[in-house]
Amino acid sequence: GGFRLKFFGSSKYFEEHKEFEDHTIYS
């Protein structure tokens, strides 16, 4: 669905959304 960019206060966002399971998070 495209890029997702998150800042402070969103540390669990990627873990809570299943669409990121097979994608690398860059931090």
PDB file of all heavy atoms in Angstrom:
ATOM      1  N   GLY A   1       0.806  -1.228   0.000  1.00  0.00           N
ATOM      2  CA  GLY A   1       0.000   0.000   0.000  1.00  0.00           C
ATOM      3  C   GLY A   1       0.836   1.274   0.000  1.00  0.00           C
ATOM      4  O   GLY A   1       0.291   2.374   0.084  1.00  0.00           O
ATOM      5  N   GLY A   2       2.172   1.135  -0.075  1.00  0.00           N
ATOM      6  CA  GLY A   2       3.054   2.298  -0.091  1.00  0.00           C
ATOM      7  C   GLY A   2       3.892   2.425   1.161  1.00  0.00           C
ATOM      8  O   GLY A   2       3.962   1.493   1.978  1.00  0.00           O
ATOM      9  N   PHE A   3       4.523   3.585   1.369  1.00  0.00           N
ATOM     10  CA  PHE A   3       5.399   3.824   2.519  1.00  0.00           C
ATOM     11  C   PHE A   3       4.581   4.209   3.749  1.00  0.00           C
ATOM     12  O   PHE A   3       3.550   4.880   3.642  1.00  0.00           O
ATOM     13  CB  PHE A   3       6.393   4.951   2.218  1.00  0.00           C
ATOM     14  CG  PHE A   3       7.566   4.507   1.384  1.00  0.00           C
ATOM     15  CD1 PHE A   3       7.563   4.703   0.013  1.00  0.00           C
ATOM     16  CD2 PHE A   3       8.654   3.880   1.973  1.00  0.00           C
ATOM     17  CE1 PHE A   3       8.634   4.299  -0.764  1.00  0.00           C
ATOM     18  CE2 PHE A   3       9.732   3.470   1.207  1.00  0.00           C
ATOM     19  CZ  PHE A   3       9.722   3.681  -0.170  1.00  0.00           C
ATOM     20  N   ARG A   4       5.086   3.792   4.926  1.00  0.00           N
ATOM     21  CA  ARG A   4       4.516   4.220   6.199  1.00  0.00           C
ATOM     22  C   ARG A   4       5.646   4.794   7.035  1.00  0.00           C
ATOM     23  O   ARG A   4       6.656   4.126   7.268  1.00  0.00           O
ATOM     24  CB  ARG A   4       3.860   3.053   6.951  1.00  0.00           C
ATOM     25  CG  ARG A   4       2.619   2.500   6.267  1.00  0.00           C
ATOM     26  CD  ARG A   4       1.444   3.481   6.348  1.00  0.00           C
ATOM     27  NE  ARG A   4       0.239   2.895   5.805  1.00  0.00           N
ATOM     28  CZ  ARG A   4      -0.108   2.907   4.529  1.00  0.00           C
ATOM     29  NH1 ARG A   4       0.702   3.479   3.647  1.00  0.00           N
ATOM     30  NH2 ARG A   4      -1.219   2.345   4.120  1.00  0.00           N
ATOM     31  N   LEU A   5       5.524   6.036   7.446  1.00  0.00           N
ATOM     32  CA  LEU A   5       6.554   6.728   8.219  1.00  0.00           C
ATOM     33  C   LEU A   5       5.988   7.082   9.577  1.00  0.00           C
ATOM     34  O   LEU A   5       4.905   7.670   9.677  1.00  0.00           O
ATOM     35  CB  LEU A   5       6.990   7.993   7.477  1.00  0.00           C
ATOM     36  CG  LEU A   5       8.143   8.814   8.077  1.00  0.00           C
ATOM     37  CD1 LEU A   5       9.446   8.032   8.034  1.00  0.00           C
ATOM     38  CD2 LEU A   5       8.288  10.133   7.330  1.00  0.00           C
ATOM     39  N   LYS A   6       6.721   6.705  10.656  1.00  0.00           N
ATOM     40  CA  LYS A   6       6.237   6.975  12.007  1.00  0.00           C
ATOM     41  C   LYS A   6       7.356   7.580  12.845  1.00  0.00           C
ATOM     42  O   LYS A   6       8.522   7.221  12.718  1.00  0.00           O
ATOM     43  CB  LYS A   6       5.743   5.680  12.679  1.00  0.00           C
ATOM     44  CG  LYS A   6       4.464   5.118  12.046  1.00  0.00           C
ATOM     45  CD  LYS A   6       3.274   6.023  12.293  1.00  0.00           C
ATOM     46  CE  LYS A   6       2.043   5.552  11.546  1.00  0.00           C
ATOM     47  NZ  LYS A   6       0.892   6.449  11.749  1.00  0.00           N
ATOM     48  N   PHE A   7       6.961   8.511  13.753  1.00  0.00           N
ATOM     49  CA  PHE A   7       7.920   9.177  14.620  1.00  0.00           C
ATOM     50  C   PHE A   7       7.721   8.742  16.067  1.00  0.00           C
ATOM     51  O   PHE A   7       7.036   7.765  16.343  1.00  0.00           O
ATOM     52  CB  PHE A   7       7.766  10.702  14.470  1.00  0.00           C
ATOM     53  CG  PHE A   7       8.148  11.201  13.112  1.00  0.00           C
ATOM     54  CD1 PHE A   7       7.196  11.348  12.113  1.00  0.00           C
ATOM     55  CD2 PHE A   7       9.468  11.505  12.808  1.00  0.00           C
ATOM     56  CE1 PHE A   7       7.548  11.786  10.846  1.00  0.00           C
ATOM     57  CE2 PHE A   7       9.835  11.945  11.552  1.00  0.00           C
ATOM     58  CZ  PHE A   7       8.873  12.080  10.566  1.00  0.00           C
ATOM     59  N   PHE A   8       8.313   9.472  17.025  1.00  0.00           N
ATOM     60  CA  PHE A   8       8.197   9.156  18.460  1.00  0.00           C
ATOM     61  C   PHE A   8       6.762   8.798  18.835  1.00  0.00           C
ATOM     62  O   PHE A   8       5.804   9.353  18.309  1.00  0.00           O
ATOM     63  CB  PHE A   8       8.602  10.371  19.294  1.00  0.00           C
ATOM     64  CG  PHE A   8      10.079  10.458  19.546  1.00  0.00           C
ATOM     65  CD1 PHE A   8      10.808  11.549  19.093  1.00  0.00           C
ATOM     66  CD2 PHE A   8      10.744   9.465  20.237  1.00  0.00           C
ATOM     67  CE1 PHE A   8      12.173  11.644  19.326  1.00  0.00           C
ATOM     68  CE2 PHE A   8      12.103   9.553  20.485  1.00  0.00           C
ATOM     69  CZ  PHE A   8      12.815  10.646  20.024  1.00  0.00           C
ATOM     70  N   GLY A   9       6.647   7.894  19.800  1.00  0.00           N
ATOM     71  CA  GLY A   9       5.325   7.572  20.318  1.00  0.00           C
ATOM     72  C   GLY A   9       4.595   6.527  19.517  1.00  0.00           C
ATOM     73  O   GLY A   9       3.438   6.228  19.799  1.00  0.00           O
ATOM     74  N   SER A  10       5.281   5.960  18.517  1.00  0.00           N
ATOM     75  CA  SER A  10       4.604   4.971  17.676  1.00  0.00           C
ATOM     76  C   SER A  10       5.424   3.683  17.581  1.00  0.00           C
ATOM     77  O   SER A  10       5.436   3.024  16.570  1.00  0.00           O
ATOM     78  CB  SER A  10       4.397   5.547  16.281  1.00  0.00           C
ATOM     79  OG  SER A  10       5.638   5.946  15.734  1.00  0.00           O
ATOM     80  N   SER A  11       6.118   3.351  18.682  1.00  0.00           N
ATOM     81  CA  SER A  11       7.052   2.225  18.652  1.00  0.00           C
ATOM     82  C   SER A  11       6.371   0.882  18.387  1.00  0.00           C
ATOM     83  O   SER A  11       6.986  -0.031  17.864  1.00  0.00           O
ATOM     84  CB  SER A  11       7.834   2.152  19.967  1.00  0.00           C
ATOM     85  OG  SER A  11       6.956   1.963  21.044  1.00  0.00           O
ATOM     86  N   LYS A  12       5.082   0.752  18.747  1.00  0.00           N
ATOM     87  CA  LYS A  12       4.400  -0.528  18.555  1.00  0.00           C
ATOM     88  C   LYS A  12       3.516  -0.558  17.306  1.00  0.00           C
ATOM     89  O   LYS A  12       2.848  -1.546  17.036  1.00  0.00           O
ATOM     90  CB  LYS A  12       3.550  -0.841  19.791  1.00  0.00           C
ATOM     91  CG  LYS A  12       4.375  -1.101  21.050  1.00  0.00           C
ATOM     92  CD  LYS A  12       3.498  -1.497  22.213  1.00  0.00           C
ATOM     93  CE  LYS A  12       4.325  -1.776  23.463  1.00  0.00           C
ATOM     94  NZ  LYS A  12       3.466  -2.155  24.614  1.00  0.00           N
ATOM     95  N   TYR A  13       3.525   0.529  16.563  1.00  0.00           N
ATOM     96  CA  TYR A  13       2.628   0.635  15.415  1.00  0.00           C
ATOM     97  C   TYR A  13       2.846  -0.508  14.429  1.00  0.00           C
ATOM     98  O   TYR A  13       1.893  -1.164  13.994  1.00  0.00           O
ATOM     99  CB  TYR A  13       2.845   1.980  14.708  1.00  0.00           C
ATOM    100  CG  TYR A  13       2.035   2.147  13.444  1.00  0.00           C
ATOM    101  CD1 TYR A  13       0.721   2.608  13.491  1.00  0.00           C
ATOM    102  CD2 TYR A  13       2.585   1.829  12.203  1.00  0.00           C
ATOM    103  CE1 TYR A  13      -0.023   2.743  12.332  1.00  0.00           C
ATOM    104  CE2 TYR A  13       1.849   1.961  11.040  1.00  0.00           C
ATOM    105  CZ  TYR A  13       0.551   2.421  11.105  1.00  0.00           C
ATOM    106  OH  TYR A  13      -0.182   2.549   9.965  1.00  0.00           O
ATOM    107  N   PHE A  14       4.091  -0.790  14.065  1.00  0.00           N
ATOM    108  CA  PHE A  14       4.382  -1.795  13.053  1.00  0.00           C
ATOM    109  C   PHE A  14       4.070  -3.207  13.559  1.00  0.00           C
ATOM    110  O   PHE A  14       3.645  -4.058  12.783  1.00  0.00           O
ATOM    111  CB  PHE A  14       5.841  -1.699  12.622  1.00  0.00           C
ATOM    112  CG  PHE A  14       6.175  -0.416  11.923  1.00  0.00           C
ATOM    113  CD1 PHE A  14       6.833   0.615  12.583  1.00  0.00           C
ATOM    114  CD2 PHE A  14       5.807  -0.211  10.602  1.00  0.00           C
ATOM    115  CE1 PHE A  14       7.136   1.794  11.932  1.00  0.00           C
ATOM    116  CE2 PHE A  14       6.104   0.974   9.941  1.00  0.00           C
ATOM    117  CZ  PHE A  14       6.761   1.986  10.617  1.00  0.00           C
ATOM    118  N   GLU A  15       4.281  -3.441  14.862  1.00  0.00           N
ATOM    119  CA  GLU A  15       3.986  -4.754  15.429  1.00  0.00           C
ATOM    120  C   GLU A  15       2.482  -5.015  15.493  1.00  0.00           C
ATOM    121  O   GLU A  15       2.034  -6.156  15.397  1.00  0.00           O
ATOM    122  CB  GLU A  15       4.591  -4.873  16.834  1.00  0.00           C
ATOM    123  CG  GLU A  15       6.107  -4.998  16.874  1.00  0.00           C
ATOM    124  CD  GLU A  15       6.811  -3.653  16.784  1.00  0.00           C
ATOM    125  OE1 GLU A  15       6.131  -2.639  16.515  1.00  0.00           O
ATOM    126  OE2 GLU A  15       8.048  -3.616  16.968  1.00  0.00           O
ATOM    127  N   GLU A  16       1.706  -3.958  15.664  1.00  0.00           N
ATOM    128  CA  GLU A  16       0.254  -4.097  15.827  1.00  0.00           C
ATOM    129  C   GLU A  16      -0.487  -4.209  14.505  1.00  0.00           C
ATOM    130  O   GLU A  16      -1.664  -4.568  14.482  1.00  0.00           O
ATOM    131  CB  GLU A  16      -0.287  -2.896  16.617  1.00  0.00           C
ATOM    132  CG  GLU A  16       0.170  -2.894  18.081  1.00  0.00           C
ATOM    133  CD  GLU A  16      -0.166  -1.593  18.779  1.00  0.00           C
ATOM    134  OE1 GLU A  16      -0.574  -0.634  18.079  1.00  0.00           O
ATOM    135  OE2 GLU A  16      -0.016  -1.532  20.018  1.00  0.00           O
ATOM    136  N   HIS A  17       0.163  -3.893  13.386  1.00  0.00           N
ATOM    137  CA  HIS A  17      -0.494  -3.949  12.078  1.00  0.00           C
ATOM    138  C   HIS A  17       0.097  -5.093  11.257  1.00  0.00           C
ATOM    139  O   HIS A  17       1.282  -5.090  10.916  1.00  0.00           O
ATOM    140  CB  HIS A  17      -0.328  -2.614  11.332  1.00  0.00           C
ATOM    141  CG  HIS A  17      -1.118  -1.500  11.947  1.00  0.00           C
ATOM    142  ND1 HIS A  17      -0.767  -0.919  13.140  1.00  0.00           N
ATOM    143  CD2 HIS A  17      -2.267  -0.881  11.531  1.00  0.00           C
ATOM    144  CE1 HIS A  17      -1.653   0.026  13.443  1.00  0.00           C
ATOM    145  NE2 HIS A  17      -2.572   0.064  12.485  1.00  0.00           N
ATOM    146  N   LYS A  18      -0.744  -6.064  10.936  1.00  0.00           N
ATOM    147  CA  LYS A  18      -0.320  -7.309  10.306  1.00  0.00           C
ATOM    148  C   LYS A  18       0.277  -7.117   8.906  1.00  0.00           C
ATOM    149  O   LYS A  18       1.053  -7.954   8.440  1.00  0.00           O
ATOM    150  CB  LYS A  18      -1.513  -8.281  10.220  1.00  0.00           C
ATOM    151  CG  LYS A  18      -2.069  -8.707  11.568  1.00  0.00           C
ATOM    152  CD  LYS A  18      -1.042  -9.517  12.352  1.00  0.00           C
ATOM    153  CE  LYS A  18      -1.623  -9.975  13.693  1.00  0.00           C
ATOM    154  NZ  LYS A  18      -0.609 -10.718  14.477  1.00  0.00           N
ATOM    155  N   GLU A  19      -0.058  -6.019   8.230  1.00  0.00           N
ATOM    156  CA  GLU A  19       0.437  -5.845   6.861  1.00  0.00           C
ATOM    157  C   GLU A  19       1.958  -5.653   6.800  1.00  0.00           C
ATOM    158  O   GLU A  19       2.558  -5.709   5.737  1.00  0.00           O
ATOM    159  CB  GLU A  19      -0.257  -4.665   6.166  1.00  0.00           C
ATOM    160  CG  GLU A  19       0.052  -3.294   6.747  1.00  0.00           C
ATOM    161  CD  GLU A  19      -0.987  -2.824   7.754  1.00  0.00           C
ATOM    162  OE1 GLU A  19      -1.588  -3.692   8.430  1.00  0.00           O
ATOM    163  OE2 GLU A  19      -1.185  -1.606   7.859  1.00  0.00           O
ATOM    164  N   PHE A  20       2.583  -5.428   7.966  1.00  0.00           N
ATOM    165  CA  PHE A  20       4.029  -5.213   7.989  1.00  0.00           C
ATOM    166  C   PHE A  20       4.810  -6.495   8.322  1.00  0.00           C
ATOM    167  O   PHE A  20       6.042  -6.469   8.361  1.00  0.00           O
ATOM    168  CB  PHE A  20       4.392  -4.134   9.002  1.00  0.00           C
ATOM    169  CG  PHE A  20       3.818  -2.783   8.679  1.00  0.00           C
ATOM    170  CD1 PHE A  20       2.775  -2.261   9.420  1.00  0.00           C
ATOM    171  CD2 PHE A  20       4.304  -2.052   7.614  1.00  0.00           C
ATOM    172  CE1 PHE A  20       2.227  -1.022   9.120  1.00  0.00           C
ATOM    173  CE2 PHE A  20       3.770  -0.807   7.296  1.00  0.00           C
ATOM    174  CZ  PHE A  20       2.726  -0.295   8.055  1.00  0.00           C
ATOM    175  N   GLU A  21       4.116  -7.606   8.541  1.00  0.00           N
ATOM    176  CA  GLU A  21       4.776  -8.839   8.987  1.00  0.00           C
ATOM    177  C   GLU A  21       5.867  -9.316   8.036  1.00  0.00           C
ATOM    178  O   GLU A  21       6.890  -9.806   8.454  1.00  0.00           O
ATOM    179  CB  GLU A  21       3.743  -9.946   9.193  1.00  0.00           C
ATOM    180  CG  GLU A  21       3.021  -9.845  10.525  1.00  0.00           C
ATOM    181  CD  GLU A  21       2.140 -11.053  10.799  1.00  0.00           C
ATOM    182  OE1 GLU A  21       2.041 -11.917   9.904  1.00  0.00           O
ATOM    183  OE2 GLU A  21       1.564 -11.126  11.893  1.00  0.00           O
ATOM    184  N   ASP A  22       5.642  -9.211   6.744  1.00  0.00           N
ATOM    185  CA  ASP A  22       6.616  -9.705   5.769  1.00  0.00           C
ATOM    186  C   ASP A  22       7.473  -8.593   5.169  1.00  0.00           C
ATOM    187  O   ASP A  22       8.086  -8.771   4.122  1.00  0.00           O
ATOM    188  CB  ASP A  22       5.881 -10.455   4.648  1.00  0.00           C
ATOM    189  CG  ASP A  22       5.191 -11.709   5.156  1.00  0.00           C
ATOM    190  OD1 ASP A  22       5.751 -12.345   6.076  1.00  0.00           O
ATOM    191  OD2 ASP A  22       4.106 -12.034   4.658  1.00  0.00           O
ATOM    192  N   HIS A  23       7.510  -7.437   5.839  1.00  0.00           N
ATOM    193  CA  HIS A  23       8.262  -6.299   5.315  1.00  0.00           C
ATOM    194  C   HIS A  23       9.260  -5.799   6.364  1.00  0.00           C
ATOM    195  O   HIS A  23       8.986  -5.857   7.561  1.00  0.00           O
ATOM    196  CB  HIS A  23       7.315  -5.171   4.917  1.00  0.00           C
ATOM    197  CG  HIS A  23       6.339  -5.568   3.852  1.00  0.00           C
ATOM    198  ND1 HIS A  23       6.641  -5.526   2.516  1.00  0.00           N
ATOM    199  CD2 HIS A  23       5.069  -6.048   3.947  1.00  0.00           C
ATOM    200  CE1 HIS A  23       5.597  -5.947   1.821  1.00  0.00           C
ATOM    201  NE2 HIS A  23       4.630  -6.272   2.654  1.00  0.00           N
ATOM    202  N   THR A  24      10.387  -5.314   5.899  1.00  0.00           N
ATOM    203  CA  THR A  24      11.436  -4.827   6.789  1.00  0.00           C
ATOM    204  C   THR A  24      11.111  -3.423   7.295  1.00  0.00           C
ATOM    205  O   THR A  24      10.704  -2.559   6.516  1.00  0.00           O
ATOM    206  CB  THR A  24      12.792  -4.793   6.064  1.00  0.00           C
ATOM    207  OG1 THR A  24      13.092  -6.102   5.571  1.00  0.00           O
ATOM    208  CG2 THR A  24      13.902  -4.347   7.002  1.00  0.00           C
ATOM    209  N   ILE A  25      11.290  -3.232   8.600  1.00  0.00           N
ATOM    210  CA  ILE A  25      11.146  -1.900   9.208  1.00  0.00           C
ATOM    211  C   ILE A  25      12.542  -1.291   9.306  1.00  0.00           C
ATOM    212  O   ILE A  25      13.483  -1.940   9.784  1.00  0.00           O
ATOM    213  CB  ILE A  25      10.533  -1.999  10.621  1.00  0.00           C
ATOM    214  CG1 ILE A  25       9.180  -2.690  10.570  1.00  0.00           C
ATOM    215  CG2 ILE A  25      10.412  -0.618  11.257  1.00  0.00           C
ATOM    216  CD1 ILE A  25       8.686  -3.168  11.922  1.00  0.00           C
ATOM    217  N   TYR A  26      12.689  -0.057   8.841  1.00  0.00           N
ATOM    218  CA  TYR A  26      13.966   0.656   8.899  1.00  0.00           C
ATOM    219  C   TYR A  26      13.844   1.733   9.974  1.00  0.00           C
ATOM    220  O   TYR A  26      12.942   2.572   9.909  1.00  0.00           O
ATOM    221  CB  TYR A  26      14.294   1.279   7.542  1.00  0.00           C
ATOM    222  CG  TYR A  26      14.397   0.249   6.427  1.00  0.00           C
ATOM    223  CD1 TYR A  26      13.263  -0.125   5.705  1.00  0.00           C
ATOM    224  CD2 TYR A  26      15.614  -0.349   6.122  1.00  0.00           C
ATOM    225  CE1 TYR A  26      13.347  -1.078   4.695  1.00  0.00           C
ATOM    226  CE2 TYR A  26      15.706  -1.302   5.117  1.00  0.00           C
ATOM    227  CZ  TYR A  26      14.566  -1.665   4.405  1.00  0.00           C
ATOM    228  OH  TYR A  26      14.658  -2.608   3.412  1.00  0.00           O
ATOM    229  N   SER A  27      14.750   1.689  10.965  1.00  0.00           N
ATOM    230  CA  SER A  27      14.598   2.578  12.123  1.00  0.00           C
ATOM    231  C   SER A  27      15.884   3.305  12.475  1.00  0.00           C
ATOM    232  O   SER A  27      16.988   2.789  12.289  1.00  0.00           O
ATOM    233  CB  SER A  27      14.146   1.773  13.351  1.00  0.00           C
ATOM    234  OG  SER A  27      12.934   1.105  13.106  1.00  0.00           O
TER     235      SER A  27
END
